[in-house]
Amino acid sequence: MELATAILIVGSLANLVGTLGGGISIGGQAAPGPIILGSVVLDTMLVVIGVAVRTGRWWIGASNIVAVVVFLYGTAALGSGMSEIPLVFAVLYGVVFLAVFLNRAWFDAMRSWRDRGHGRRP
């Protein structure tokens, strides 16, 4: 789960910095405003989900949203003639999806641990 949260947080922050630095282009031209806004919202949401997953929360939401992100990056990779960057992110987020989806027991154990009073501030 550590690798999954690191990919979510660091990968999304890297994308966010790239987007805000003008790194999104479509066909060699700057992406339209709605595409940039969508990318910023998605990357911000993924950072929040990464923090939530790190604390053992939002199993279902994280798996669903990351599955959509894998689809989006996979579509971007295929649509751009198998461009390397979207393909790398599709694979990385695919690893995150598998880690989150296959470790439901860990999320349940974390919830039980919190329910017993651990993880709370005095």
Protein backbone atom coordinates (compact mmCIF):
# COMPACT_ATOMS: atom_id res chain seq x y z
CA MET A 1 0.00 0.00 0.00
CA GLU A 2 2.98 2.28 0.54
CA LEU A 3 3.89 2.07 -3.15
CA ALA A 4 0.29 2.71 -4.17
CA THR A 5 -0.01 5.82 -2.02
CA ALA A 6 3.38 7.08 -3.19
CA ILE A 7 2.33 6.68 -6.83
CA LEU A 8 -0.96 8.45 -6.16
CA ILE A 9 0.54 11.38 -4.29
CA VAL A 10 3.85 11.88 -6.09
CA GLY A 11 2.54 11.03 -9.56
CA SER A 12 -0.43 13.34 -9.20
CA LEU A 13 1.70 16.17 -7.82
CA ALA A 14 4.10 15.75 -10.75
CA ASN A 15 1.19 15.90 -13.18
CA LEU A 16 -0.24 18.92 -11.39
CA VAL A 17 3.06 20.80 -11.58
CA GLY A 18 3.38 19.88 -15.26
CA THR A 19 -0.15 21.00 -16.01
CA LEU A 20 0.19 24.30 -14.20
CA GLY A 21 3.54 24.83 -15.92
CA GLY A 22 1.87 24.61 -19.32
CA GLY A 23 2.80 21.02 -20.07
CA ILE A 24 -0.49 19.84 -21.58
CA SER A 25 -0.68 19.92 -25.34
CA ILE A 26 -2.93 18.28 -27.88
CA GLY A 27 -1.49 17.82 -31.33
CA GLY A 28 1.39 20.17 -30.55
CA GLN A 29 -0.87 23.02 -29.43
CA ALA A 30 -1.80 24.14 -25.93
CA ALA A 31 -4.78 22.28 -24.50
CA PRO A 32 -8.08 24.16 -24.12
CA GLY A 33 -9.03 25.59 -20.73
CA PRO A 34 -11.57 22.87 -19.83
CA ILE A 35 -8.96 20.15 -20.40
CA ILE A 36 -6.48 21.96 -18.16
CA LEU A 37 -9.13 22.54 -15.49
CA GLY A 38 -10.19 18.88 -15.62
CA SER A 39 -6.58 17.76 -15.27
CA VAL A 40 -6.02 20.05 -12.27
CA VAL A 41 -9.20 18.82 -10.57
CA LEU A 42 -8.37 15.17 -11.27
CA ASP A 43 -4.78 15.45 -10.02
CA THR A 44 -5.88 17.30 -6.88
CA MET A 45 -8.51 14.63 -6.24
CA LEU A 46 -5.89 11.90 -6.67
CA VAL A 47 -3.61 13.53 -4.11
CA VAL A 48 -6.50 13.62 -1.62
CA ILE A 49 -7.33 9.99 -2.40
CA GLY A 50 -3.67 9.07 -1.91
CA VAL A 51 -3.71 10.57 1.57
CA ALA A 52 -7.01 8.82 2.36
CA VAL A 53 -5.69 5.47 1.14
CA ARG A 54 -2.55 5.98 3.23
CA THR A 55 -4.77 6.19 6.32
CA GLY A 56 -6.82 3.14 5.28
CA ARG A 57 -9.92 4.96 4.10
CA TRP A 58 -12.04 5.19 0.92
CA TRP A 59 -11.40 1.71 -0.46
CA ILE A 60 -14.36 1.69 -2.84
CA GLY A 61 -14.01 5.31 -3.94
CA ALA A 62 -10.28 4.95 -4.51
CA SER A 63 -10.63 1.79 -6.57
CA ASN A 64 -13.38 3.29 -8.72
CA ILE A 65 -11.67 6.61 -9.35
CA VAL A 66 -8.30 5.01 -10.05
CA ALA A 67 -9.98 2.61 -12.52
CA VAL A 68 -11.36 5.63 -14.38
CA VAL A 69 -7.90 7.25 -14.34
CA VAL A 70 -6.34 4.08 -15.80
CA PHE A 71 -8.96 4.19 -18.56
CA LEU A 72 -8.28 7.89 -19.25
CA TYR A 73 -4.51 7.46 -19.43
CA GLY A 74 -4.87 4.30 -21.50
CA THR A 75 -7.14 6.12 -23.92
CA ALA A 76 -4.71 9.04 -24.09
CA ALA A 77 -1.82 6.65 -24.80
CA LEU A 78 -3.71 4.89 -27.58
CA GLY A 79 -5.09 8.12 -29.02
CA SER A 80 -1.65 9.65 -29.30
CA GLY A 81 -0.06 6.72 -31.09
CA MET A 82 1.16 4.97 -27.94
CA SER A 83 2.85 8.01 -26.43
CA GLU A 84 5.18 6.98 -23.62
CA ILE A 85 4.11 9.37 -20.87
CA PRO A 86 0.39 8.50 -20.77
CA LEU A 87 1.31 4.84 -21.14
CA VAL A 88 3.64 5.00 -18.13
CA PHE A 89 0.97 6.69 -16.03
CA ALA A 90 -1.64 4.14 -17.18
CA VAL A 91 0.64 1.33 -16.00
CA LEU A 92 1.49 3.08 -12.70
CA TYR A 93 -2.14 3.79 -11.89
CA GLY A 94 -2.96 0.21 -12.94
CA VAL A 95 -0.56 -0.95 -10.21
CA VAL A 96 -2.36 1.35 -7.76
CA PHE A 97 -5.73 -0.07 -8.81
CA LEU A 98 -4.54 -3.64 -8.25
CA ALA A 99 -2.99 -2.77 -4.89
CA VAL A 100 -6.14 -1.06 -3.65
CA PHE A 101 -8.52 -3.65 -5.09
CA LEU A 102 -6.59 -6.67 -3.82
CA ASN A 103 -5.98 -5.30 -0.30
CA ARG A 104 -9.51 -4.80 0.93
CA ALA A 105 -8.62 -6.82 4.04
CA TRP A 106 -6.01 -4.19 4.91
CA PHE A 107 -8.65 -1.44 4.71
CA ASP A 108 -10.96 -3.51 6.92
CA ALA A 109 -8.16 -4.06 9.44
CA MET A 110 -7.39 -0.34 9.49
CA ARG A 111 -11.07 0.44 10.13
CA SER A 112 -11.16 -2.05 13.00
CA TRP A 113 -7.99 -0.54 14.42
CA ARG A 114 -9.50 2.96 14.30
CA ASP A 115 -12.78 1.70 15.82
CA ARG A 116 -10.84 0.37 18.82
CA GLY A 117 -9.71 3.91 19.57
CA HIS A 118 -6.32 3.88 17.90
CA GLY A 119 -5.27 6.61 15.57
CA ARG A 120 -7.21 9.32 17.39
CA ARG A 121 -5.75 12.38 18.95
CA PRO A 122 -6.23 12.64 22.74
